[in-house]
Amino acid sequence: KLFFTDYGNAAKVERCDMDGMNRTWIVDSKIEQPTALALDLINKYVYWLDIYLESVEVVDYQGRRRQTITKGRQIRHLCGLAVFENYLYTINSDNFSILRINRYNGSDVQALAMLDNAKEIRVYQKRTQAAVRSHACEADPYGMPGGCSHICLLSTSYKARTCRCRTGFILGTDGRSCK
């Protein structure tokens, strides 16, 4: 799945399949300006910063069990968001400090380090990386990903795929080749 935020005419947190299909709003009320998003891949939770409402909130992948983690003026200065173990990590854009926030109760906020400049943060750890398995976009015997002549996108699961074409091409009737 692909998770993303939008705060145009109607602010929301959404998800869709990797090919853009099955687009679903998972948060569309009491939300104004969601600017950063982080996923707990193990427990299937979505965290986001709303700098207008000055809050950090969480829901499950279906948009249920919504909770506010923390709220206050300091949120409007945060950018980027990552989750690892018991904490959320973010950047304070006023002084470029890395902050660690207890994700279960919003307390225990701690500045870990100062940077020269930063807008985003990521945690890389083996347990947060999805296990690699065979999937529908693997190269076929001719070296074409998923048998697609241009672009292969995973669809509803790792077993399903959708072929797409580069700009200026259209997908042929076989659903794989571009013309």
N, C-alpha and C. Protein backbone atom coordinates (compact mmCIF):
# COMPACT_ATOMS: atom_id res chain seq x y z
N LYS A 1 0.83 -1.19 0.00
CA LYS A 1 0.00 0.00 0.00
C LYS A 1 0.87 1.25 0.00
N LEU A 2 0.31 2.32 -0.50
CA LEU A 2 0.93 3.64 -0.49
C LEU A 2 0.06 4.52 0.38
N PHE A 3 0.67 5.19 1.36
CA PHE A 3 -0.05 6.10 2.26
C PHE A 3 0.43 7.52 1.96
N PHE A 4 -0.50 8.49 1.98
CA PHE A 4 -0.12 9.87 1.68
C PHE A 4 -1.12 10.84 2.30
N THR A 5 -0.70 12.11 2.39
CA THR A 5 -1.56 13.16 2.93
C THR A 5 -1.88 14.17 1.84
N ASP A 6 -2.97 14.88 2.04
CA ASP A 6 -3.36 15.96 1.13
C ASP A 6 -4.04 17.03 1.98
N TYR A 7 -3.69 18.29 1.76
CA TYR A 7 -4.41 19.34 2.48
C TYR A 7 -4.79 20.46 1.54
N GLY A 8 -5.32 20.08 0.40
CA GLY A 8 -5.87 21.04 -0.55
C GLY A 8 -7.24 21.48 -0.09
N ASN A 9 -8.26 21.27 -0.94
CA ASN A 9 -9.63 21.65 -0.60
C ASN A 9 -10.18 20.87 0.59
N ALA A 10 -9.86 19.61 0.67
CA ALA A 10 -10.32 18.76 1.77
C ALA A 10 -9.12 17.99 2.31
N ALA A 11 -8.67 18.35 3.48
CA ALA A 11 -7.50 17.68 4.07
C ALA A 11 -7.85 16.24 4.41
N LYS A 12 -6.87 15.35 4.22
CA LYS A 12 -7.12 13.94 4.49
C LYS A 12 -5.81 13.14 4.52
N VAL A 13 -5.89 11.96 5.09
CA VAL A 13 -4.85 10.94 4.99
C VAL A 13 -5.48 9.83 4.17
N GLU A 14 -4.76 9.35 3.15
CA GLU A 14 -5.31 8.36 2.24
C GLU A 14 -4.36 7.19 2.08
N ARG A 15 -4.90 6.11 1.49
CA ARG A 15 -4.07 4.99 1.08
C ARG A 15 -4.61 4.47 -0.24
N CYS A 16 -3.73 3.81 -0.98
CA CYS A 16 -4.13 3.17 -2.23
C CYS A 16 -3.17 2.02 -2.50
N ASP A 17 -3.49 1.23 -3.51
CA ASP A 17 -2.56 0.20 -3.96
C ASP A 17 -1.38 0.89 -4.64
N MET A 18 -0.30 0.19 -4.83
CA MET A 18 0.89 0.78 -5.43
C MET A 18 0.66 1.25 -6.86
N ASP A 19 -0.37 0.73 -7.51
CA ASP A 19 -0.68 1.18 -8.88
C ASP A 19 -1.68 2.34 -8.90
N GLY A 20 -2.04 2.86 -7.71
CA GLY A 20 -2.95 4.00 -7.62
C GLY A 20 -4.41 3.62 -7.53
N MET A 21 -4.72 2.35 -7.62
CA MET A 21 -6.11 1.91 -7.57
C MET A 21 -6.56 1.74 -6.11
N ASN A 22 -7.86 1.59 -5.92
CA ASN A 22 -8.46 1.38 -4.59
C ASN A 22 -8.10 2.48 -3.61
N ARG A 23 -8.17 3.71 -4.08
CA ARG A 23 -7.88 4.87 -3.24
C ARG A 23 -8.95 5.00 -2.16
N THR A 24 -8.49 5.13 -0.91
CA THR A 24 -9.39 5.15 0.24
C THR A 24 -8.97 6.24 1.22
N TRP A 25 -9.94 7.03 1.64
CA TRP A 25 -9.67 8.02 2.69
C TRP A 25 -9.68 7.29 4.02
N ILE A 26 -8.63 7.44 4.82
CA ILE A 26 -8.64 6.81 6.13
C ILE A 26 -8.84 7.84 7.25
N VAL A 27 -8.55 9.12 6.97
CA VAL A 27 -8.87 10.21 7.90
C VAL A 27 -9.35 11.38 7.04
N ASP A 28 -10.56 11.87 7.30
CA ASP A 28 -11.07 13.00 6.52
C ASP A 28 -11.87 13.98 7.38
N SER A 29 -11.84 13.81 8.70
CA SER A 29 -12.53 14.76 9.57
C SER A 29 -11.57 15.18 10.69
N LYS A 30 -11.80 16.40 11.19
CA LYS A 30 -10.95 16.96 12.23
C LYS A 30 -9.47 16.88 11.85
N ILE A 31 -9.21 17.31 10.63
CA ILE A 31 -7.86 17.33 10.07
C ILE A 31 -7.76 18.55 9.17
N GLU A 32 -6.67 19.29 9.24
CA GLU A 32 -6.53 20.53 8.48
C GLU A 32 -5.30 20.59 7.59
N GLN A 33 -4.13 20.35 8.15
CA GLN A 33 -2.89 20.48 7.38
C GLN A 33 -1.90 19.39 7.76
N PRO A 34 -2.19 18.13 7.34
CA PRO A 34 -1.27 17.04 7.63
C PRO A 34 -0.01 17.18 6.77
N THR A 35 1.13 17.26 7.40
CA THR A 35 2.36 17.55 6.65
C THR A 35 3.40 16.45 6.69
N ALA A 36 3.28 15.51 7.60
CA ALA A 36 4.25 14.41 7.67
C ALA A 36 3.52 13.15 8.08
N LEU A 37 4.05 12.01 7.65
CA LEU A 37 3.39 10.74 7.87
C LEU A 37 4.43 9.70 8.21
N ALA A 38 4.10 8.78 9.11
CA ALA A 38 4.99 7.67 9.45
C ALA A 38 4.15 6.42 9.67
N LEU A 39 4.68 5.27 9.28
CA LEU A 39 3.96 4.01 9.41
C LEU A 39 4.63 3.11 10.44
N ASP A 40 3.81 2.49 11.28
CA ASP A 40 4.25 1.40 12.13
C ASP A 40 3.88 0.14 11.34
N LEU A 41 4.85 -0.44 10.65
CA LEU A 41 4.60 -1.57 9.76
C LEU A 41 4.24 -2.84 10.53
N ILE A 42 4.73 -2.97 11.73
CA ILE A 42 4.47 -4.17 12.53
C ILE A 42 3.02 -4.18 13.03
N ASN A 43 2.60 -3.09 13.66
CA ASN A 43 1.26 -3.01 14.25
C ASN A 43 0.21 -2.39 13.34
N LYS A 44 0.65 -1.93 12.17
CA LYS A 44 -0.24 -1.35 11.14
C LYS A 44 -0.96 -0.09 11.63
N TYR A 45 -0.16 0.89 12.04
CA TYR A 45 -0.66 2.20 12.44
C TYR A 45 -0.07 3.28 11.55
N VAL A 46 -0.85 4.36 11.35
CA VAL A 46 -0.42 5.52 10.58
C VAL A 46 -0.38 6.72 11.54
N TYR A 47 0.77 7.37 11.65
CA TYR A 47 0.94 8.58 12.46
C TYR A 47 1.08 9.77 11.53
N TRP A 48 0.56 10.94 11.94
CA TRP A 48 0.74 12.14 11.13
C TRP A 48 0.83 13.38 12.01
N LEU A 49 1.51 14.39 11.48
CA LEU A 49 1.60 15.72 12.08
C LEU A 49 0.56 16.60 11.40
N ASP A 50 -0.20 17.36 12.18
CA ASP A 50 -1.08 18.37 11.61
C ASP A 50 -0.60 19.71 12.17
N ILE A 51 0.09 20.49 11.34
CA ILE A 51 0.71 21.72 11.86
C ILE A 51 -0.32 22.82 12.10
N TYR A 52 -1.49 22.75 11.46
CA TYR A 52 -2.52 23.75 11.72
C TYR A 52 -3.23 23.47 13.04
N LEU A 53 -3.59 22.21 13.26
CA LEU A 53 -4.25 21.83 14.51
C LEU A 53 -3.25 21.60 15.64
N GLU A 54 -1.97 21.67 15.32
CA GLU A 54 -0.89 21.53 16.29
C GLU A 54 -1.01 20.21 17.05
N SER A 55 -1.09 19.12 16.28
CA SER A 55 -1.25 17.81 16.91
C SER A 55 -0.48 16.73 16.17
N VAL A 56 -0.18 15.66 16.90
CA VAL A 56 0.32 14.42 16.33
C VAL A 56 -0.72 13.37 16.67
N GLU A 57 -1.23 12.67 15.63
CA GLU A 57 -2.30 11.71 15.84
C GLU A 57 -1.96 10.38 15.19
N VAL A 58 -2.78 9.37 15.50
CA VAL A 58 -2.56 8.02 14.98
C VAL A 58 -3.90 7.34 14.73
N VAL A 59 -3.95 6.51 13.68
CA VAL A 59 -5.08 5.62 13.40
C VAL A 59 -4.51 4.30 12.90
N ASP A 60 -5.35 3.27 12.87
CA ASP A 60 -4.90 2.03 12.24
C ASP A 60 -5.05 2.17 10.72
N TYR A 61 -4.65 1.18 9.99
CA TYR A 61 -4.66 1.25 8.52
C TYR A 61 -6.06 1.44 7.95
N GLN A 62 -7.11 1.12 8.71
CA GLN A 62 -8.49 1.30 8.23
C GLN A 62 -9.08 2.62 8.70
N GLY A 63 -8.31 3.43 9.43
CA GLY A 63 -8.80 4.72 9.92
C GLY A 63 -9.53 4.62 11.25
N ARG A 64 -9.41 3.49 11.92
CA ARG A 64 -10.08 3.31 13.21
C ARG A 64 -9.10 3.56 14.36
N ARG A 65 -9.64 3.59 15.57
CA ARG A 65 -8.85 3.74 16.81
C ARG A 65 -8.00 5.00 16.81
N ARG A 66 -8.58 6.09 16.39
CA ARG A 66 -7.88 7.38 16.33
C ARG A 66 -7.55 7.87 17.74
N GLN A 67 -6.32 8.34 17.91
CA GLN A 67 -5.88 8.90 19.18
C GLN A 67 -4.96 10.08 18.92
N THR A 68 -4.99 11.04 19.81
CA THR A 68 -4.04 12.15 19.78
C THR A 68 -2.86 11.77 20.66
N ILE A 69 -1.67 11.84 20.09
CA ILE A 69 -0.45 11.51 20.82
C ILE A 69 0.01 12.71 21.65
N THR A 70 0.06 13.86 20.99
CA THR A 70 0.44 15.09 21.69
C THR A 70 -0.16 16.27 20.94
N LYS A 71 -0.30 17.38 21.66
CA LYS A 71 -0.92 18.58 21.09
C LYS A 71 -0.24 19.79 21.71
N GLY A 72 -0.08 20.86 20.93
CA GLY A 72 0.49 22.08 21.46
C GLY A 72 1.21 22.90 20.40
N ARG A 73 1.53 24.12 20.77
CA ARG A 73 2.14 25.07 19.82
C ARG A 73 3.44 24.57 19.22
N GLN A 74 4.18 23.73 19.94
CA GLN A 74 5.47 23.26 19.44
C GLN A 74 5.32 22.41 18.18
N ILE A 75 4.14 21.85 17.94
CA ILE A 75 3.91 20.98 16.77
C ILE A 75 4.05 21.75 15.46
N ARG A 76 3.65 23.03 15.45
CA ARG A 76 3.70 23.80 14.19
C ARG A 76 5.12 23.97 13.67
N HIS A 77 6.12 23.69 14.48
CA HIS A 77 7.52 23.83 14.07
C HIS A 77 8.17 22.49 13.72
N LEU A 78 7.37 21.43 13.68
CA LEU A 78 7.92 20.11 13.39
C LEU A 78 7.80 19.79 11.91
N CYS A 79 8.77 19.05 11.42
CA CYS A 79 8.73 18.55 10.05
C CYS A 79 9.36 17.17 10.03
N GLY A 80 8.87 16.34 9.14
CA GLY A 80 9.35 14.97 9.07
C GLY A 80 8.85 14.18 10.26
N LEU A 81 8.67 12.88 10.06
CA LEU A 81 8.19 12.02 11.13
C LEU A 81 8.62 10.60 10.84
N ALA A 82 9.12 9.92 11.86
CA ALA A 82 9.50 8.51 11.76
C ALA A 82 9.09 7.83 13.05
N VAL A 83 8.82 6.54 12.97
CA VAL A 83 8.46 5.77 14.16
C VAL A 83 9.41 4.59 14.28
N PHE A 84 9.85 4.33 15.52
CA PHE A 84 10.68 3.16 15.79
C PHE A 84 10.53 2.80 17.26
N GLU A 85 10.20 1.54 17.47
CA GLU A 85 9.96 1.01 18.81
C GLU A 85 8.96 1.88 19.56
N ASN A 86 9.30 2.43 20.72
CA ASN A 86 8.33 3.17 21.53
C ASN A 86 8.28 4.66 21.23
N TYR A 87 8.98 5.12 20.20
CA TYR A 87 9.13 6.56 20.01
C TYR A 87 8.82 7.02 18.59
N LEU A 88 8.41 8.28 18.50
CA LEU A 88 8.33 9.02 17.24
C LEU A 88 9.54 9.92 17.19
N TYR A 89 10.09 10.10 16.01
CA TYR A 89 11.23 10.99 15.81
C TYR A 89 10.84 12.05 14.80
N THR A 90 11.22 13.28 15.06
CA THR A 90 10.86 14.39 14.19
C THR A 90 11.94 15.47 14.26
N ILE A 91 11.84 16.47 13.39
CA ILE A 91 12.78 17.58 13.34
C ILE A 91 12.06 18.86 13.76
N ASN A 92 12.66 19.62 14.66
CA ASN A 92 12.17 20.95 15.01
C ASN A 92 12.78 21.92 14.01
N SER A 93 11.95 22.52 13.16
CA SER A 93 12.47 23.39 12.08
C SER A 93 12.99 24.73 12.60
N ASP A 94 12.71 25.08 13.86
CA ASP A 94 13.25 26.33 14.43
C ASP A 94 14.75 26.23 14.68
N ASN A 95 15.17 25.11 15.26
CA ASN A 95 16.59 24.98 15.61
C ASN A 95 17.24 23.72 15.04
N PHE A 96 16.51 22.99 14.19
CA PHE A 96 16.99 21.76 13.54
C PHE A 96 17.47 20.71 14.53
N SER A 97 16.74 20.59 15.63
CA SER A 97 17.06 19.54 16.58
C SER A 97 16.20 18.30 16.26
N ILE A 98 16.77 17.13 16.50
CA ILE A 98 16.04 15.88 16.37
C ILE A 98 15.34 15.64 17.70
N LEU A 99 14.02 15.45 17.65
CA LEU A 99 13.25 15.21 18.87
C LEU A 99 12.75 13.77 18.92
N ARG A 100 12.72 13.23 20.10
CA ARG A 100 12.16 11.90 20.35
C ARG A 100 10.96 12.06 21.27
N ILE A 101 9.80 11.50 20.86
CA ILE A 101 8.55 11.64 21.61
C ILE A 101 8.00 10.24 21.90
N ASN A 102 7.64 9.99 23.14
CA ASN A 102 7.01 8.72 23.49
C ASN A 102 5.69 8.61 22.72
N ARG A 103 5.55 7.59 21.90
CA ARG A 103 4.37 7.49 21.04
C ARG A 103 3.13 6.94 21.74
N TYR A 104 3.27 6.52 22.96
CA TYR A 104 2.11 5.99 23.68
C TYR A 104 1.42 7.03 24.54
N ASN A 105 2.16 8.05 24.96
CA ASN A 105 1.52 9.05 25.82
C ASN A 105 1.95 10.48 25.50
N GLY A 106 2.78 10.68 24.49
CA GLY A 106 3.18 12.03 24.08
C GLY A 106 4.13 12.72 25.04
N SER A 107 4.49 12.05 26.10
CA SER A 107 5.41 12.64 27.08
C SER A 107 6.84 12.25 26.73
N ASP A 108 7.71 12.54 27.64
CA ASP A 108 9.11 12.15 27.48
C ASP A 108 9.67 12.68 26.15
N VAL A 109 9.48 13.98 25.89
CA VAL A 109 10.03 14.61 24.69
C VAL A 109 11.47 14.97 24.99
N GLN A 110 12.35 14.50 24.12
CA GLN A 110 13.77 14.70 24.37
C GLN A 110 14.46 15.15 23.08
N ALA A 111 15.30 16.19 23.17
CA ALA A 111 16.13 16.62 22.04
C ALA A 111 17.36 15.72 22.02
N LEU A 112 17.63 15.09 20.88
CA LEU A 112 18.73 14.14 20.79
C LEU A 112 19.99 14.73 20.18
N ALA A 113 19.84 15.61 19.19
CA ALA A 113 21.00 16.18 18.51
C ALA A 113 20.57 17.41 17.73
N MET A 114 21.53 18.24 17.38
CA MET A 114 21.28 19.42 16.56
C MET A 114 21.92 19.19 15.19
N LEU A 115 21.26 19.67 14.15
CA LEU A 115 21.77 19.54 12.79
C LEU A 115 21.93 20.93 12.19
N ASP A 116 22.67 21.00 11.09
CA ASP A 116 22.82 22.28 10.40
C ASP A 116 21.54 22.65 9.65
N ASN A 117 20.90 21.64 9.07
CA ASN A 117 19.69 21.87 8.29
C ASN A 117 19.05 20.51 8.03
N ALA A 118 17.78 20.39 8.22
CA ALA A 118 17.08 19.13 7.95
C ALA A 118 15.59 19.40 7.81
N LYS A 119 14.93 18.64 6.96
CA LYS A 119 13.48 18.75 6.76
C LYS A 119 12.79 17.40 6.89
N GLU A 120 13.55 16.33 6.94
CA GLU A 120 12.97 14.99 6.93
C GLU A 120 13.83 14.07 7.78
N ILE A 121 13.22 13.00 8.28
CA ILE A 121 13.94 12.03 9.11
C ILE A 121 13.43 10.63 8.79
N ARG A 122 14.32 9.66 8.77
CA ARG A 122 13.97 8.27 8.53
C ARG A 122 14.78 7.40 9.48
N VAL A 123 14.18 6.30 9.91
CA VAL A 123 14.87 5.31 10.71
C VAL A 123 15.05 4.07 9.83
N TYR A 124 16.28 3.62 9.70
CA TYR A 124 16.56 2.41 8.95
C TYR A 124 17.02 1.34 9.92
N GLN A 125 16.28 0.25 9.96
CA GLN A 125 16.61 -0.85 10.85
C GLN A 125 16.07 -2.11 10.22
N LYS A 126 16.78 -3.20 10.33
CA LYS A 126 16.42 -4.43 9.64
C LYS A 126 14.97 -4.86 9.88
N ARG A 127 14.48 -4.75 11.11
CA ARG A 127 13.12 -5.19 11.42
C ARG A 127 12.06 -4.35 10.71
N THR A 128 12.40 -3.13 10.29
CA THR A 128 11.40 -2.28 9.62
C THR A 128 11.40 -2.49 8.11
N GLN A 129 12.31 -3.31 7.61
CA GLN A 129 12.38 -3.57 6.17
C GLN A 129 11.56 -4.81 5.83
N ALA A 130 10.70 -4.70 4.86
CA ALA A 130 9.88 -5.83 4.45
C ALA A 130 10.76 -6.96 3.90
N ALA A 131 10.39 -8.19 4.23
CA ALA A 131 11.13 -9.34 3.71
C ALA A 131 10.93 -9.41 2.20
N VAL A 132 12.00 -9.68 1.50
CA VAL A 132 11.93 -9.78 0.04
C VAL A 132 11.42 -11.17 -0.32
N ARG A 133 10.41 -11.21 -1.16
CA ARG A 133 9.88 -12.48 -1.64
C ARG A 133 9.58 -12.32 -3.12
N SER A 134 9.31 -13.41 -3.76
CA SER A 134 8.99 -13.28 -5.19
C SER A 134 7.72 -12.44 -5.31
N HIS A 135 7.64 -11.68 -6.38
CA HIS A 135 6.49 -10.79 -6.57
C HIS A 135 6.17 -10.67 -8.05
N ALA A 136 5.02 -10.10 -8.34
CA ALA A 136 4.51 -10.03 -9.71
C ALA A 136 5.34 -9.15 -10.63
N CYS A 137 6.21 -8.29 -10.10
CA CYS A 137 7.01 -7.41 -10.96
C CYS A 137 8.44 -7.90 -11.15
N GLU A 138 8.70 -9.15 -10.78
CA GLU A 138 10.04 -9.70 -11.03
C GLU A 138 10.26 -9.80 -12.54
N ALA A 139 11.52 -9.71 -12.94
CA ALA A 139 11.86 -9.77 -14.37
C ALA A 139 11.50 -11.14 -14.94
N ASP A 140 10.91 -11.11 -16.14
CA ASP A 140 10.61 -12.36 -16.83
C ASP A 140 11.88 -12.84 -17.55
N PRO A 141 11.83 -13.96 -18.26
CA PRO A 141 13.04 -14.46 -18.94
C PRO A 141 13.66 -13.49 -19.95
N TYR A 142 12.89 -12.50 -20.40
CA TYR A 142 13.39 -11.50 -21.34
C TYR A 142 13.87 -10.23 -20.64
N GLY A 143 13.85 -10.23 -19.31
CA GLY A 143 14.32 -9.08 -18.54
C GLY A 143 13.28 -7.99 -18.35
N MET A 144 12.04 -8.25 -18.75
CA MET A 144 10.99 -7.25 -18.60
C MET A 144 10.31 -7.43 -17.23
N PRO A 145 10.22 -6.35 -16.44
CA PRO A 145 9.62 -6.47 -15.10
C PRO A 145 8.14 -6.87 -15.18
N GLY A 146 7.84 -8.03 -14.61
CA GLY A 146 6.45 -8.51 -14.61
C GLY A 146 5.91 -8.75 -16.00
N GLY A 147 6.79 -8.83 -16.99
CA GLY A 147 6.36 -9.00 -18.37
C GLY A 147 5.87 -7.71 -19.00
N CYS A 148 6.05 -6.58 -18.31
CA CYS A 148 5.61 -5.27 -18.81
C CYS A 148 6.74 -4.66 -19.66
N SER A 149 6.40 -4.04 -20.77
CA SER A 149 7.45 -3.48 -21.62
C SER A 149 8.05 -2.20 -21.04
N HIS A 150 7.33 -1.45 -20.21
CA HIS A 150 7.87 -0.22 -19.63
C HIS A 150 7.91 -0.25 -18.10
N ILE A 151 6.75 -0.15 -17.46
CA ILE A 151 6.69 0.01 -16.00
C ILE A 151 5.76 -1.04 -15.41
N CYS A 152 6.22 -1.68 -14.32
CA CYS A 152 5.40 -2.65 -13.61
C CYS A 152 5.12 -2.10 -12.21
N LEU A 153 3.85 -2.05 -11.81
CA LEU A 153 3.44 -1.58 -10.48
C LEU A 153 2.71 -2.71 -9.77
N LEU A 154 3.08 -2.96 -8.51
CA LEU A 154 2.34 -3.94 -7.74
C LEU A 154 0.92 -3.43 -7.56
N SER A 155 -0.02 -4.34 -7.49
CA SER A 155 -1.43 -3.95 -7.41
C SER A 155 -2.00 -4.27 -6.04
N THR A 156 -3.06 -5.07 -5.96
CA THR A 156 -3.74 -5.34 -4.70
C THR A 156 -2.91 -6.18 -3.74
N SER A 157 -1.91 -6.89 -4.23
CA SER A 157 -1.01 -7.68 -3.39
C SER A 157 0.30 -7.86 -4.15
N TYR A 158 1.26 -8.51 -3.51
CA TYR A 158 2.54 -8.74 -4.18
C TYR A 158 2.41 -9.77 -5.31
N LYS A 159 1.25 -10.43 -5.41
CA LYS A 159 1.03 -11.42 -6.46
C LYS A 159 0.37 -10.81 -7.70
N ALA A 160 -0.11 -9.58 -7.60
CA ALA A 160 -0.83 -8.94 -8.71
C ALA A 160 -0.05 -7.72 -9.19
N ARG A 161 -0.13 -7.41 -10.48
CA ARG A 161 0.59 -6.26 -11.02
C ARG A 161 -0.25 -5.57 -12.08
N THR A 162 0.15 -4.31 -12.35
CA THR A 162 -0.46 -3.50 -13.40
C THR A 162 0.68 -2.93 -14.24
N CYS A 163 0.58 -3.05 -15.54
CA CYS A 163 1.59 -2.47 -16.43
C CYS A 163 1.18 -1.05 -16.79
N ARG A 164 2.16 -0.17 -16.88
CA ARG A 164 1.93 1.22 -17.29
C ARG A 164 3.01 1.59 -18.31
N CYS A 165 2.76 2.68 -19.01
CA CYS A 165 3.69 3.13 -20.05
C CYS A 165 4.31 4.48 -19.70
N ARG A 166 5.50 4.71 -20.25
CA ARG A 166 6.13 6.02 -20.09
C ARG A 166 5.31 7.06 -20.86
N THR A 167 5.54 8.33 -20.53
CA THR A 167 4.85 9.44 -21.18
C THR A 167 5.01 9.34 -22.69
N GLY A 168 3.93 9.55 -23.40
CA GLY A 168 3.95 9.52 -24.86
C GLY A 168 3.60 8.15 -25.44
N PHE A 169 3.40 7.15 -24.60
CA PHE A 169 3.05 5.81 -25.05
C PHE A 169 1.69 5.44 -24.49
N ILE A 170 1.02 4.49 -25.16
CA ILE A 170 -0.24 3.97 -24.64
C ILE A 170 -0.11 2.46 -24.49
N LEU A 171 -0.85 1.92 -23.53
CA LEU A 171 -0.81 0.49 -23.25
C LEU A 171 -1.57 -0.26 -24.33
N GLY A 172 -0.95 -1.30 -24.84
CA GLY A 172 -1.58 -2.13 -25.88
C GLY A 172 -2.71 -2.97 -25.31
N THR A 173 -3.46 -3.61 -26.19
CA THR A 173 -4.61 -4.41 -25.77
C THR A 173 -4.19 -5.63 -24.97
N ASP A 174 -2.92 -6.03 -25.07
CA ASP A 174 -2.46 -7.19 -24.29
C ASP A 174 -2.21 -6.83 -22.81
N GLY A 175 -2.30 -5.54 -22.47
CA GLY A 175 -2.11 -5.09 -21.10
C GLY A 175 -0.67 -5.12 -20.62
N ARG A 176 0.28 -5.36 -21.56
CA ARG A 176 1.70 -5.45 -21.19
C ARG A 176 2.62 -4.58 -22.04
N SER A 177 2.30 -4.49 -23.33
CA SER A 177 3.21 -3.77 -24.23
C SER A 177 2.73 -2.33 -24.44
N CYS A 178 3.71 -1.46 -24.69
CA CYS A 178 3.42 -0.02 -24.90
C CYS A 178 3.68 0.34 -26.34
N LYS A 179 2.84 1.20 -26.90
CA LYS A 179 2.97 1.62 -28.29
C LYS A 179 2.99 3.13 -28.38
